[in-house]
Amino acid sequence: MHNGPFRLLGTGPRAAARQAAVLVLLAGLLALLGIVNDPGHAHRLLIVAACDLALGLVALLFPWHRTPPNAPAVLGLAGFAVIGLSTWSFGGIAAGTGPFLVLLYAWAALHFPRWILLLFLLPATAAYLVPLILTGQPEMVLASAVVMMPISLTVALLIEAQARHLRDDRERLVRIERWRAAMVSTLAHDVRAPLSTVRGALEELQDEAGVHTQRMIEAALRQTARIARLADGLLDLDRIDSTGHLRLDLAAHPAEPLVEDALLDVRVDAEIRVTIDAGLTLHVDRQRFEQILINLVTNALRYGRPPVDIRLTRDGRFDRLEVRDHGPGIPAELRSRLFGQFAVGGPQGVGLGLWIVRQLAVAHGGQAVAEPRDPGVAMVVTFPVPPAAAT
């Protein structure tokens, strides 16, 4: 994972070094505060604070991004040495430094493989025991290492196992997403070439066809245009996933012809009723608006009951598109997640239509919601009205 120079969280050598710097700088600060409680050892505590500061600066300023992934483990070795010096400076009292030893082990577990944790066992034990021995602590205090070190190692191994599991899961998801994006992009692009050939052949036949055949060819051409828009929609899906944004071609469009043109792609036997405020003009991306409307109408015809009512009205600073069916409705617990990705997939679809509707609505600066009706449900999409048009 790539991180900026001052970001604390993340993975990789730079993140490991920055987190180590936080630990040692905190230890240095506590050493300075310890002078207040133990002025007799002020000179020793100043040495400890200076060592922590030096180690923290190395951790922050060294170009760790140019080193192998496990290189910052040397900071752990230096950290254990400073912990031992701190225990000695406090006269053999490990109550304050012992927790830092566990924290340092936990830090190592987040960033390095288990073999490094096992190698750390000897220097960590030395950092704990040597200052206790030098300060003449009783055997009972020395025996605390029998408890401290196994606990530290066990906690570290558990953290390492969990961190490794999460990293493996993330890498697997990244691979899946990479393949998904590649497949979607390939499918969308590969559909266009044969589609262009089909469209060209239909246009050639249209010039010589009779009246009835021409109507059939016009219907076929509309469907090829729809497939082309669906291919564009697949590319939109990939762009929305990867960037979170979608560039729109916003312009003013009279609402009535905009809706009429979009409904040409809906089956001719569908019972659809349209109500539009007189003279209403929408400030939208034409292609994306048609995509929204077709998705909503198709969804209403597939899952609801006729008739399907389309209403376009202006409500203050927003234009409001409502597509209502007269079916059994949608339970309240489902409405909150209805526009989620793969939320309502099944034998008739994969559950992307309403999710794309919401993404396109948000890209316009509006929103998409489901509102209960009796009977049925209404899918409502709002589009912001430009200030000049709202006055």
Protein backbone atom coordinates (compact mmCIF):
# COMPACT_ATOMS: atom_id res chain seq x y z
CA MET A 1 0.00 0.00 0.00
CA HIS A 2 1.34 3.41 -0.95
CA ASN A 3 1.29 5.98 1.82
CA GLY A 4 2.16 9.64 2.00
CA PRO A 5 5.33 10.61 3.91
CA PHE A 6 3.47 11.57 7.12
CA ARG A 7 0.66 9.02 7.22
CA LEU A 8 0.76 6.78 10.25
CA LEU A 9 -1.46 3.87 9.23
CA GLY A 10 -0.77 1.40 6.48
CA THR A 11 1.58 -1.41 5.58
CA GLY A 12 5.12 -1.58 4.27
CA PRO A 13 8.47 -0.39 5.63
CA ARG A 14 7.56 3.29 5.89
CA ALA A 15 4.38 2.65 7.89
CA ALA A 16 6.24 0.22 10.18
CA ALA A 17 8.97 2.78 10.82
CA ARG A 18 6.53 5.60 11.52
CA GLN A 19 4.63 3.50 14.04
CA ALA A 20 7.88 2.51 15.73
CA ALA A 21 8.77 6.20 15.92
CA VAL A 22 5.52 6.91 17.77
CA LEU A 23 6.31 4.24 20.36
CA VAL A 24 9.89 5.31 21.04
CA LEU A 25 9.07 9.02 21.10
CA LEU A 26 6.32 8.31 23.62
CA ALA A 27 8.82 6.33 25.69
CA GLY A 28 11.23 9.27 25.53
CA LEU A 29 8.55 11.66 26.71
CA LEU A 30 7.77 9.38 29.66
CA ALA A 31 11.48 9.26 30.50
CA LEU A 32 11.53 13.06 30.71
CA LEU A 33 8.44 13.02 32.91
CA GLY A 34 10.16 10.43 35.09
CA ILE A 35 12.74 13.02 36.07
CA VAL A 36 10.06 14.78 38.11
CA ASN A 37 9.45 11.66 40.20
CA ASP A 38 13.06 10.53 40.35
CA PRO A 39 15.39 13.56 40.11
CA GLY A 40 18.24 11.49 41.55
CA HIS A 41 18.48 9.58 38.25
CA ALA A 42 17.94 12.63 36.04
CA HIS A 43 21.15 12.17 34.10
CA ARG A 44 20.27 8.55 33.27
CA LEU A 45 16.75 9.44 32.24
CA LEU A 46 18.08 12.23 30.01
CA ILE A 47 20.28 9.65 28.29
CA VAL A 48 17.25 7.40 27.80
CA ALA A 49 15.20 10.29 26.40
CA ALA A 50 18.06 11.23 24.04
CA CYS A 51 18.30 7.62 22.80
CA ASP A 52 14.54 7.51 22.22
CA LEU A 53 14.65 10.82 20.36
CA ALA A 54 17.55 9.66 18.18
CA LEU A 55 15.83 6.36 17.40
CA GLY A 56 12.55 8.17 16.64
CA LEU A 57 14.29 10.55 14.23
CA VAL A 58 15.98 7.64 12.45
CA ALA A 59 12.62 5.90 12.16
CA LEU A 60 10.99 9.03 10.72
CA LEU A 61 13.73 10.35 8.43
CA PHE A 62 15.47 7.26 7.04
CA PRO A 63 14.31 6.35 3.48
CA TRP A 64 12.70 3.06 4.47
CA HIS A 65 10.75 2.86 1.20
CA ARG A 66 14.05 2.00 -0.50
CA THR A 67 14.79 -0.90 1.82
CA PRO A 68 13.57 -4.53 1.89
CA PRO A 69 10.17 -5.02 3.57
CA ASN A 70 11.63 -6.43 6.82
CA ALA A 71 14.39 -3.83 7.22
CA PRO A 72 12.56 -1.78 9.92
CA ALA A 73 12.85 -4.82 12.21
CA VAL A 74 16.24 -3.38 13.21
CA LEU A 75 14.26 -0.64 14.95
CA GLY A 76 12.79 -3.35 17.16
CA LEU A 77 16.26 -4.51 18.20
CA ALA A 78 17.27 -0.93 19.01
CA GLY A 79 13.98 -0.46 20.82
CA PHE A 80 14.64 -3.47 23.07
CA ALA A 81 18.05 -2.03 23.92
CA VAL A 82 16.51 1.30 24.91
CA ILE A 83 13.86 -0.51 26.99
CA GLY A 84 16.66 -2.30 28.87
CA LEU A 85 18.44 1.01 29.42
CA SER A 86 15.19 2.53 30.71
CA THR A 87 14.65 -0.29 33.21
CA TRP A 88 18.20 0.16 34.46
CA SER A 89 17.71 3.95 34.68
CA PHE A 90 14.60 3.47 36.83
CA GLY A 91 16.63 1.35 39.23
CA GLY A 92 15.38 -2.01 38.03
CA ILE A 93 11.68 -1.15 38.16
CA ALA A 94 10.08 -2.78 35.08
CA ALA A 95 6.51 -1.74 35.83
CA GLY A 96 6.77 1.13 33.34
CA THR A 97 9.01 -0.47 30.72
CA GLY A 98 7.41 -3.93 30.67
CA PRO A 99 4.28 -2.74 28.84
CA PHE A 100 6.47 -1.08 26.21
CA LEU A 101 8.20 -4.39 25.62
CA VAL A 102 4.80 -5.98 24.93
CA LEU A 103 3.82 -3.04 22.70
CA LEU A 104 7.05 -3.32 20.74
CA TYR A 105 6.42 -7.02 20.24
CA ALA A 106 2.85 -6.27 19.11
CA TRP A 107 4.17 -3.66 16.65
CA ALA A 108 6.55 -6.24 15.20
CA ALA A 109 3.69 -8.72 14.86
CA LEU A 110 1.71 -6.28 12.71
CA HIS A 111 4.49 -5.88 10.16
CA PHE A 112 6.88 -8.85 10.16
CA PRO A 113 6.64 -12.64 9.73
CA ARG A 114 6.67 -14.99 12.68
CA TRP A 115 10.31 -16.02 12.23
CA ILE A 116 11.35 -12.47 13.13
CA LEU A 117 9.17 -12.65 16.25
CA LEU A 118 10.94 -15.84 17.27
CA LEU A 119 14.34 -14.22 16.66
CA PHE A 120 13.24 -11.29 18.82
CA LEU A 121 12.74 -13.61 21.80
CA LEU A 122 16.43 -13.61 22.82
CA PRO A 123 17.07 -9.82 22.65
CA ALA A 124 13.67 -9.12 24.25
CA THR A 125 14.44 -11.48 27.13
CA ALA A 126 17.87 -9.89 27.56
CA ALA A 127 16.31 -6.41 27.54
CA TYR A 128 14.01 -7.51 30.36
CA LEU A 129 16.39 -9.57 32.51
CA VAL A 130 19.82 -7.89 32.20
CA PRO A 131 18.86 -4.57 33.87
CA LEU A 132 17.09 -6.51 36.64
CA ILE A 133 20.26 -8.50 37.26
CA LEU A 134 22.50 -5.40 37.13
CA THR A 135 20.35 -3.63 39.69
CA GLY A 136 20.37 -6.62 42.04
CA GLN A 137 16.69 -7.50 41.96
CA PRO A 138 15.55 -10.55 43.96
CA GLU A 139 14.97 -13.92 42.33
CA MET A 140 11.20 -13.49 42.51
CA VAL A 141 11.44 -10.40 40.31
CA LEU A 142 13.78 -12.16 37.91
CA ALA A 143 11.33 -15.06 37.72
CA SER A 144 8.70 -12.70 36.33
CA ALA A 145 10.44 -13.13 32.97
CA VAL A 146 9.00 -16.69 32.92
CA VAL A 147 5.57 -15.07 32.71
CA MET A 148 6.35 -11.88 30.77
CA MET A 149 8.21 -13.37 27.81
CA PRO A 150 5.82 -16.25 26.95
CA ILE A 151 2.89 -13.84 27.22
CA SER A 152 4.61 -11.29 24.96
CA LEU A 153 5.49 -13.93 22.38
CA THR A 154 2.03 -15.53 22.46
CA VAL A 155 0.27 -12.19 22.02
CA ALA A 156 2.63 -11.31 19.18
CA LEU A 157 2.05 -14.63 17.39
CA LEU A 158 -1.71 -14.24 17.66
CA ILE A 159 -1.54 -10.71 16.26
CA GLU A 160 0.77 -11.87 13.46
CA ALA A 161 -1.61 -14.69 12.50
CA GLN A 162 -4.60 -12.35 12.42
CA ALA A 163 -2.71 -9.67 10.46
CA ARG A 164 -1.51 -12.28 7.96
CA HIS A 165 -5.08 -13.57 7.56
CA LEU A 166 -6.34 -10.04 6.86
CA ARG A 167 -3.53 -9.36 4.39
CA ASP A 168 -4.27 -12.61 2.55
CA ASP A 169 -7.96 -11.70 2.37
CA ARG A 170 -7.17 -8.23 1.06
CA GLU A 171 -4.80 -9.58 -1.58
CA ARG A 172 -7.45 -12.10 -2.66
CA LEU A 173 -10.06 -9.34 -2.97
CA VAL A 174 -7.62 -7.19 -4.94
CA ARG A 175 -7.02 -10.07 -7.36
CA ILE A 176 -10.76 -10.69 -7.71
CA GLU A 177 -11.43 -7.00 -8.31
CA ARG A 178 -8.63 -6.82 -10.88
CA TRP A 179 -10.09 -9.76 -12.80
CA ARG A 180 -13.62 -8.36 -12.50
CA ALA A 181 -12.57 -4.97 -13.82
CA ALA A 182 -10.66 -6.59 -16.68
CA MET A 183 -13.62 -8.80 -17.62
CA VAL A 184 -16.11 -5.93 -17.50
CA SER A 185 -13.86 -3.70 -19.58
CA THR A 186 -13.13 -6.47 -22.10
CA LEU A 187 -16.80 -7.38 -22.42
CA ALA A 188 -17.86 -3.77 -22.92
CA HIS A 189 -15.23 -3.18 -25.59
CA ASP A 190 -15.68 -6.52 -27.37
CA VAL A 191 -19.45 -5.99 -27.66
CA ARG A 192 -18.96 -2.79 -29.66
CA ALA A 193 -17.20 -4.30 -32.70
CA PRO A 194 -19.87 -6.90 -33.65
CA LEU A 195 -22.56 -4.40 -32.69
CA SER A 196 -21.22 -1.91 -35.22
CA THR A 197 -21.33 -4.62 -37.88
CA VAL A 198 -24.94 -5.48 -37.00
CA ARG A 199 -25.95 -1.81 -37.06
CA GLY A 200 -24.30 -1.31 -40.46
CA ALA A 201 -26.06 -4.34 -41.92
CA LEU A 202 -29.43 -3.18 -40.59
CA GLU A 203 -28.95 0.29 -42.03
CA GLU A 204 -28.10 -1.25 -45.42
CA LEU A 205 -31.26 -3.37 -45.33
CA GLN A 206 -33.38 -0.42 -44.25
CA ASP A 207 -32.82 1.42 -47.53
CA GLU A 208 -34.40 -1.41 -49.56
CA ALA A 209 -37.00 -2.70 -47.08
CA GLY A 210 -40.75 -2.35 -47.27
CA VAL A 211 -42.83 -0.41 -44.76
CA HIS A 212 -43.44 -3.34 -42.42
CA THR A 213 -39.83 -4.51 -42.60
CA GLN A 214 -38.61 -0.98 -41.98
CA ARG A 215 -40.54 -0.86 -38.74
CA MET A 216 -38.89 -4.09 -37.67
CA ILE A 217 -35.46 -2.80 -38.64
CA GLU A 218 -36.05 0.45 -36.75
CA ALA A 219 -36.93 -1.59 -33.67
CA ALA A 220 -33.78 -3.66 -34.13
CA LEU A 221 -31.68 -0.49 -34.52
CA ARG A 222 -33.15 0.91 -31.30
CA GLN A 223 -32.19 -2.28 -29.51
CA THR A 224 -28.65 -2.20 -30.88
CA ALA A 225 -28.41 1.37 -29.62
CA ARG A 226 -29.64 0.17 -26.25
CA ILE A 227 -27.01 -2.60 -26.16
CA ALA A 228 -24.38 0.03 -26.96
CA ARG A 229 -25.60 2.09 -24.01
CA LEU A 230 -25.50 -1.00 -21.80
CA ALA A 231 -21.87 -1.52 -22.84
CA ASP A 232 -21.18 2.09 -21.88
CA GLY A 233 -22.96 1.38 -18.61
CA LEU A 234 -20.57 -1.49 -17.90
CA LEU A 235 -17.66 0.87 -18.41
CA ASP A 236 -19.41 3.39 -16.15
CA LEU A 237 -19.72 0.70 -13.49
CA ASP A 238 -15.97 0.09 -13.65
CA ARG A 239 -15.18 3.82 -13.52
CA ILE A 240 -17.52 4.36 -10.58
CA ASP A 241 -15.90 1.48 -8.70
CA SER A 242 -12.32 2.65 -9.31
CA THR A 243 -12.60 6.41 -8.87
CA GLY A 244 -15.89 7.11 -7.13
CA HIS A 245 -16.68 9.81 -9.70
CA LEU A 246 -18.31 9.94 -13.12
CA ARG A 247 -17.87 12.81 -15.54
CA LEU A 248 -21.21 14.03 -16.90
CA ASP A 249 -22.15 16.03 -19.99
CA LEU A 250 -24.73 18.29 -18.35
CA ALA A 251 -27.06 20.37 -20.52
CA ALA A 252 -30.62 21.69 -20.53
CA HIS A 253 -33.12 19.29 -22.15
CA PRO A 254 -36.91 19.68 -22.54
CA ALA A 255 -38.41 16.94 -20.38
CA GLU A 256 -41.17 15.65 -22.68
CA PRO A 257 -39.07 14.70 -25.74
CA LEU A 258 -36.34 13.42 -23.41
CA VAL A 259 -38.75 10.94 -21.82
CA GLU A 260 -40.37 10.04 -25.15
CA ASP A 261 -37.02 9.17 -26.71
CA ALA A 262 -36.02 7.05 -23.72
CA LEU A 263 -39.28 5.10 -23.77
CA LEU A 264 -38.69 4.06 -27.38
CA ASP A 265 -36.42 1.36 -25.91
CA VAL A 266 -39.19 -0.06 -23.71
CA ARG A 267 -41.41 -2.82 -25.07
CA VAL A 268 -44.35 -1.44 -27.02
CA ASP A 269 -47.05 -3.41 -25.13
CA ALA A 270 -46.07 -1.94 -21.76
CA GLU A 271 -48.82 0.01 -19.98
CA ILE A 272 -47.06 3.26 -19.08
CA ARG A 273 -48.62 6.57 -18.08
CA VAL A 274 -46.54 9.76 -18.22
CA THR A 275 -47.22 13.03 -16.40
CA ILE A 276 -44.79 15.95 -16.84
CA ASP A 277 -45.03 19.52 -15.61
CA ALA A 278 -45.75 21.83 -18.54
CA GLY A 279 -42.62 23.37 -20.02
CA LEU A 280 -40.29 21.51 -17.66
CA THR A 281 -36.61 21.55 -18.66
CA LEU A 282 -34.10 19.19 -17.00
CA HIS A 283 -30.44 20.02 -16.46
CA VAL A 284 -29.01 16.51 -16.85
CA ASP A 285 -26.67 14.31 -18.84
CA ARG A 286 -29.05 13.06 -21.54
CA GLN A 287 -27.57 9.58 -21.89
CA ARG A 288 -27.36 9.04 -18.12
CA PHE A 289 -30.92 10.28 -17.58
CA GLU A 290 -32.20 7.85 -20.20
CA GLN A 291 -30.21 5.10 -18.50
CA ILE A 292 -31.83 5.97 -15.15
CA LEU A 293 -35.34 6.07 -16.60
CA ILE A 294 -35.01 2.84 -18.57
CA ASN A 295 -33.57 1.02 -15.55
CA LEU A 296 -36.43 2.20 -13.34
CA VAL A 297 -39.18 1.44 -15.86
CA THR A 298 -37.70 -1.97 -16.68
CA ASN A 299 -37.44 -2.73 -12.98
CA ALA A 300 -41.08 -1.70 -12.42
CA LEU A 301 -42.31 -3.86 -15.31
CA ARG A 302 -40.25 -6.83 -14.16
CA TYR A 303 -41.04 -6.87 -10.45
CA GLY A 304 -44.28 -4.85 -10.12
CA ARG A 305 -47.68 -4.75 -11.79
CA PRO A 306 -49.01 -2.36 -14.43
CA PRO A 307 -49.68 0.39 -14.95
CA VAL A 308 -46.30 2.10 -14.52
CA ASP A 309 -46.67 5.79 -13.74
CA ILE A 310 -43.90 8.23 -14.65
CA ARG A 311 -44.08 11.69 -13.08
CA LEU A 312 -41.65 14.56 -13.60
CA THR A 313 -42.15 17.59 -11.41
CA ARG A 314 -40.15 20.50 -10.03
CA ASP A 315 -39.96 20.71 -6.25
CA GLY A 316 -38.06 23.82 -5.23
CA ARG A 317 -34.36 23.34 -6.00
CA PHE A 318 -34.79 19.82 -7.37
CA ASP A 319 -36.47 18.16 -10.32
CA ARG A 320 -38.15 14.97 -9.19
CA LEU A 321 -38.49 11.84 -11.31
CA GLU A 322 -40.93 9.27 -9.90
CA VAL A 323 -41.48 5.83 -11.42
CA ARG A 324 -44.26 3.92 -9.66
CA ASP A 325 -45.64 0.44 -10.14
CA HIS A 326 -48.85 -1.04 -8.69
CA GLY A 327 -47.40 -4.31 -7.45
CA PRO A 328 -47.16 -5.82 -3.96
CA GLY A 329 -44.61 -3.23 -2.80
CA ILE A 330 -41.32 -3.69 -1.00
CA PRO A 331 -40.89 -4.48 2.72
CA ALA A 332 -39.55 -1.60 4.81
CA GLU A 333 -36.47 -3.57 5.87
CA LEU A 334 -35.48 -4.05 2.21
CA ARG A 335 -36.08 -0.46 1.07
CA SER A 336 -33.07 0.85 3.01
CA ARG A 337 -30.67 -1.36 1.05
CA LEU A 338 -32.57 -1.58 -2.22
CA PHE A 339 -30.08 0.58 -4.11
CA GLY A 340 -27.05 -1.34 -2.87
CA GLN A 341 -24.81 -3.29 -5.18
CA PHE A 342 -26.21 -6.83 -5.82
CA ALA A 343 -29.00 -6.06 -3.31
CA VAL A 344 -31.89 -7.65 -5.20
CA GLY A 345 -30.28 -10.03 -7.64
CA GLY A 346 -32.10 -13.21 -8.61
CA PRO A 347 -33.10 -15.34 -11.58
CA GLN A 348 -34.14 -12.24 -13.54
CA GLY A 349 -31.07 -10.08 -12.92
CA VAL A 350 -27.84 -9.58 -10.99
CA GLY A 351 -28.97 -6.64 -8.86
CA LEU A 352 -26.93 -3.86 -10.45
CA GLY A 353 -29.68 -1.77 -12.09
CA LEU A 354 -30.82 0.17 -9.03
CA TRP A 355 -27.26 0.50 -7.76
CA ILE A 356 -26.26 2.14 -11.05
CA VAL A 357 -29.33 4.39 -10.77
CA ARG A 358 -28.17 5.64 -7.39
CA GLN A 359 -24.59 6.17 -8.59
CA LEU A 360 -25.82 8.20 -11.56
CA ALA A 361 -28.19 10.20 -9.35
CA VAL A 362 -25.37 11.02 -6.92
CA ALA A 363 -23.12 11.96 -9.84
CA HIS A 364 -25.76 14.53 -10.82
CA GLY A 365 -25.83 15.85 -7.25
CA GLY A 366 -29.17 14.25 -6.37
CA GLN A 367 -30.27 11.03 -4.73
CA ALA A 368 -32.35 7.92 -5.34
CA VAL A 369 -34.81 6.49 -2.81
CA ALA A 370 -37.72 4.06 -2.68
CA GLU A 371 -41.02 5.36 -1.28
CA PRO A 372 -43.98 3.13 -0.34
CA ARG A 373 -47.27 3.51 -2.19
CA ASP A 374 -50.64 1.82 -1.80
CA PRO A 375 -50.41 -0.26 -3.86
CA GLY A 376 -46.85 -0.62 -5.13
CA VAL A 377 -43.66 1.34 -4.66
CA ALA A 378 -42.24 4.51 -6.21
CA MET A 379 -38.60 4.90 -7.15
CA VAL A 380 -37.75 8.58 -6.80
CA VAL A 381 -34.68 10.24 -8.28
CA THR A 382 -33.89 13.93 -7.79
CA PHE A 383 -31.78 16.23 -9.96
CA PRO A 384 -30.54 19.65 -8.80
CA VAL A 385 -32.00 22.69 -10.59
CA PRO A 386 -29.34 25.25 -11.59
CA PRO A 387 -29.75 28.53 -9.66
CA ALA A 388 -30.54 30.44 -12.86
CA ALA A 389 -33.32 28.00 -13.77
CA ALA A 390 -34.76 27.94 -10.24
CA THR A 391 -35.51 31.66 -10.15
